[in-house]
Amino acid sequence: MASEQDIYEEHVLDHYEDPYHRGLCEDATHAHAGNNPLCGDKVHVDLRLDDQGRVAEAWFEGDGCVISQASASMLIEAIEGKTIDEVKEFSANEMLDLFGPKLTPNRQKCCLLVWKVVQSALHSPVGEGSDEEEDMSSSFGGPSLGEEQ
């Protein structure tokens, strides 16, 4: 019988090898990109918000470690259909719980990168401000869990 840790590892690898909505959303209303300069992880998130204030579609692109890319897939899948307020209220601790396996503080930054980018994307309408593809202003040494907003 598989241990709980084995199940989590399989779940993580499933998201890494067969990610949910990896790619770009052609009709995105909001987008943002960020990176973790300490390890090289990069994530770009596209969101299409509907008139009812829900995430109608969520997509991601990125490069990085298994943790950063699997957590991106997990979060993108989890936020579709949620209201904007529900996504804003989703905490860093909830992101770590969604990921599953316990991570060291340095590896938590890999997991939390996509969470930070999604939070920023909610405030980044497409076509307003800087070019989302080039804007890596969400460079992320990562918040400690006590710093989350």
Protein backbone atom coordinates (compact mmCIF):
# COMPACT_ATOMS: atom_id res chain seq x y z
CA MET A 1 0.00 0.00 0.00
CA ALA A 2 1.31 3.45 -0.95
CA SER A 3 2.14 5.87 1.81
CA GLU A 4 0.50 9.30 1.88
CA GLN A 5 3.82 10.79 0.71
CA ASP A 6 3.83 8.48 -2.33
CA ILE A 7 0.33 9.61 -3.25
CA TYR A 8 1.34 13.25 -3.03
CA GLU A 9 4.41 12.66 -5.17
CA GLU A 10 2.30 10.93 -7.82
CA HIS A 11 -0.20 13.81 -7.71
CA VAL A 12 2.61 16.35 -8.15
CA LEU A 13 4.18 14.42 -11.02
CA ASP A 14 0.79 14.05 -12.73
CA HIS A 15 0.38 17.85 -12.76
CA TYR A 16 3.96 18.33 -13.96
CA GLU A 17 3.76 15.77 -16.77
CA ASP A 18 0.18 16.54 -17.86
CA PRO A 19 -0.49 20.13 -16.74
CA TYR A 20 -3.94 21.69 -16.68
CA HIS A 21 -4.39 24.57 -19.15
CA ARG A 22 -0.76 25.04 -20.07
CA GLY A 23 -0.63 27.62 -22.83
CA LEU A 24 -1.94 31.08 -23.55
CA CYS A 25 -5.52 32.28 -23.40
CA GLU A 26 -6.22 34.18 -26.62
CA ASP A 27 -9.08 36.22 -25.12
CA ALA A 28 -7.52 36.89 -21.70
CA THR A 29 -8.81 39.94 -19.85
CA HIS A 30 -6.03 39.90 -17.24
CA ALA A 31 -2.42 38.68 -17.33
CA HIS A 32 0.77 38.87 -15.35
CA ALA A 33 4.21 37.24 -15.29
CA GLY A 34 6.73 36.71 -12.55
CA ASN A 35 9.94 34.93 -11.78
CA ASN A 36 12.03 33.71 -8.91
CA PRO A 37 15.54 35.02 -9.64
CA LEU A 38 17.03 32.75 -6.95
CA CYS A 39 16.21 29.57 -8.86
CA GLY A 40 15.13 30.67 -12.35
CA ASP A 41 11.44 29.67 -12.14
CA LYS A 42 9.22 31.71 -14.48
CA VAL A 43 5.42 31.79 -14.71
CA HIS A 44 3.01 33.76 -16.91
CA VAL A 45 -0.72 33.62 -16.08
CA ASP A 46 -3.63 34.56 -18.35
CA LEU A 47 -7.11 34.96 -16.89
CA ARG A 48 -10.43 35.55 -18.60
CA LEU A 49 -12.81 37.11 -16.10
CA ASP A 50 -16.51 37.06 -16.99
CA ASP A 51 -19.24 39.64 -16.42
CA GLN A 52 -20.37 37.84 -13.24
CA GLY A 53 -16.98 38.39 -11.58
CA ARG A 54 -15.73 34.83 -12.00
CA VAL A 55 -12.61 33.29 -13.47
CA ALA A 56 -14.06 31.83 -16.66
CA GLU A 57 -10.67 30.57 -17.88
CA ALA A 58 -7.17 30.39 -16.43
CA TRP A 59 -4.00 29.41 -18.30
CA PHE A 60 -0.29 29.41 -17.52
CA GLU A 61 3.04 29.20 -19.29
CA GLY A 62 6.36 28.78 -17.59
CA ASP A 63 9.71 27.19 -17.09
CA GLY A 64 11.17 25.89 -13.90
CA CYS A 65 11.33 23.08 -11.43
CA VAL A 66 8.74 20.38 -10.90
CA ILE A 67 7.37 22.20 -7.86
CA SER A 68 6.81 25.54 -9.61
CA GLN A 69 5.23 24.03 -12.71
CA ALA A 70 3.08 21.44 -10.91
CA SER A 71 1.82 24.05 -8.44
CA ALA A 72 0.93 26.33 -11.38
CA SER A 73 -1.18 23.56 -12.90
CA MET A 74 -2.84 22.85 -9.54
CA LEU A 75 -3.72 26.48 -8.84
CA ILE A 76 -4.94 27.22 -12.38
CA GLU A 77 -7.28 24.24 -12.13
CA ALA A 78 -8.46 25.24 -8.64
CA ILE A 79 -9.37 28.86 -9.47
CA GLU A 80 -11.47 28.29 -12.58
CA GLY A 81 -15.09 29.07 -11.77
CA LYS A 82 -14.20 30.89 -8.55
CA THR A 83 -15.23 34.48 -7.93
CA ILE A 84 -12.59 37.18 -7.98
CA ASP A 85 -13.07 37.62 -4.23
CA GLU A 86 -12.59 33.89 -3.61
CA VAL A 87 -9.32 33.97 -5.55
CA LYS A 88 -8.14 37.09 -3.69
CA GLU A 89 -8.91 35.41 -0.36
CA PHE A 90 -7.00 32.23 -1.27
CA SER A 91 -3.97 32.39 1.05
CA ALA A 92 -0.37 31.25 0.75
CA ASN A 93 -1.07 28.60 3.39
CA GLU A 94 -3.97 27.30 1.29
CA MET A 95 -1.65 27.17 -1.73
CA LEU A 96 0.86 25.09 0.21
CA ASP A 97 -1.96 22.80 1.37
CA LEU A 98 -3.19 22.47 -2.22
CA PHE A 99 0.30 21.42 -3.31
CA GLY A 100 0.46 18.72 -0.67
CA PRO A 101 3.95 17.62 0.34
CA LYS A 102 5.69 19.62 3.06
CA LEU A 103 8.34 21.88 1.58
CA THR A 104 11.39 23.62 2.99
CA PRO A 105 11.16 27.44 3.09
CA ASN A 106 13.30 27.76 -0.08
CA ARG A 107 11.10 25.27 -1.95
CA GLN A 108 7.95 27.01 -0.68
CA LYS A 109 9.00 29.97 -2.84
CA CYS A 110 8.84 27.69 -5.89
CA CYS A 111 5.30 26.66 -4.96
CA LEU A 112 4.12 30.18 -4.08
CA LEU A 113 5.38 31.89 -7.24
CA VAL A 114 2.22 31.11 -9.20
CA TRP A 115 0.04 32.19 -6.25
CA LYS A 116 1.78 35.57 -6.23
CA VAL A 117 1.43 35.93 -10.03
CA VAL A 118 -2.29 35.07 -9.93
CA GLN A 119 -2.89 37.65 -7.21
CA SER A 120 -1.11 40.26 -9.34
CA ALA A 121 -2.94 39.20 -12.51
CA LEU A 122 -6.28 40.04 -10.90
CA HIS A 123 -5.09 43.66 -10.83
CA SER A 124 -3.48 43.63 -14.29
CA PRO A 125 -6.01 44.10 -17.10
CA VAL A 126 -4.67 43.20 -20.54
CA GLY A 127 -3.92 46.24 -22.66
CA GLU A 128 -3.54 48.63 -19.73
CA GLY A 129 -0.03 49.47 -18.62
CA SER A 130 3.13 47.65 -19.59
CA ASP A 131 3.49 44.67 -21.88
CA GLU A 132 2.62 41.62 -19.78
CA GLU A 133 5.05 39.37 -21.69
CA GLU A 134 8.02 41.54 -20.80
CA ASP A 135 6.93 42.66 -17.33
CA MET A 136 8.66 40.49 -14.78
CA SER A 137 7.97 42.91 -11.95
CA SER A 138 6.80 40.06 -9.77
CA SER A 139 10.33 38.93 -9.11
CA PHE A 140 9.80 36.74 -6.16
CA GLY A 141 12.15 35.99 -3.38
CA GLY A 142 8.76 35.04 -1.92
CA PRO A 143 6.90 36.27 1.10
CA SER A 144 7.35 34.43 4.29
CA LEU A 145 4.03 33.00 5.35
CA GLY A 146 3.71 35.82 7.90
CA GLU A 147 3.99 38.42 5.12
CA GLU A 148 1.13 37.22 2.92
CA GLN A 149 -1.60 39.73 2.25
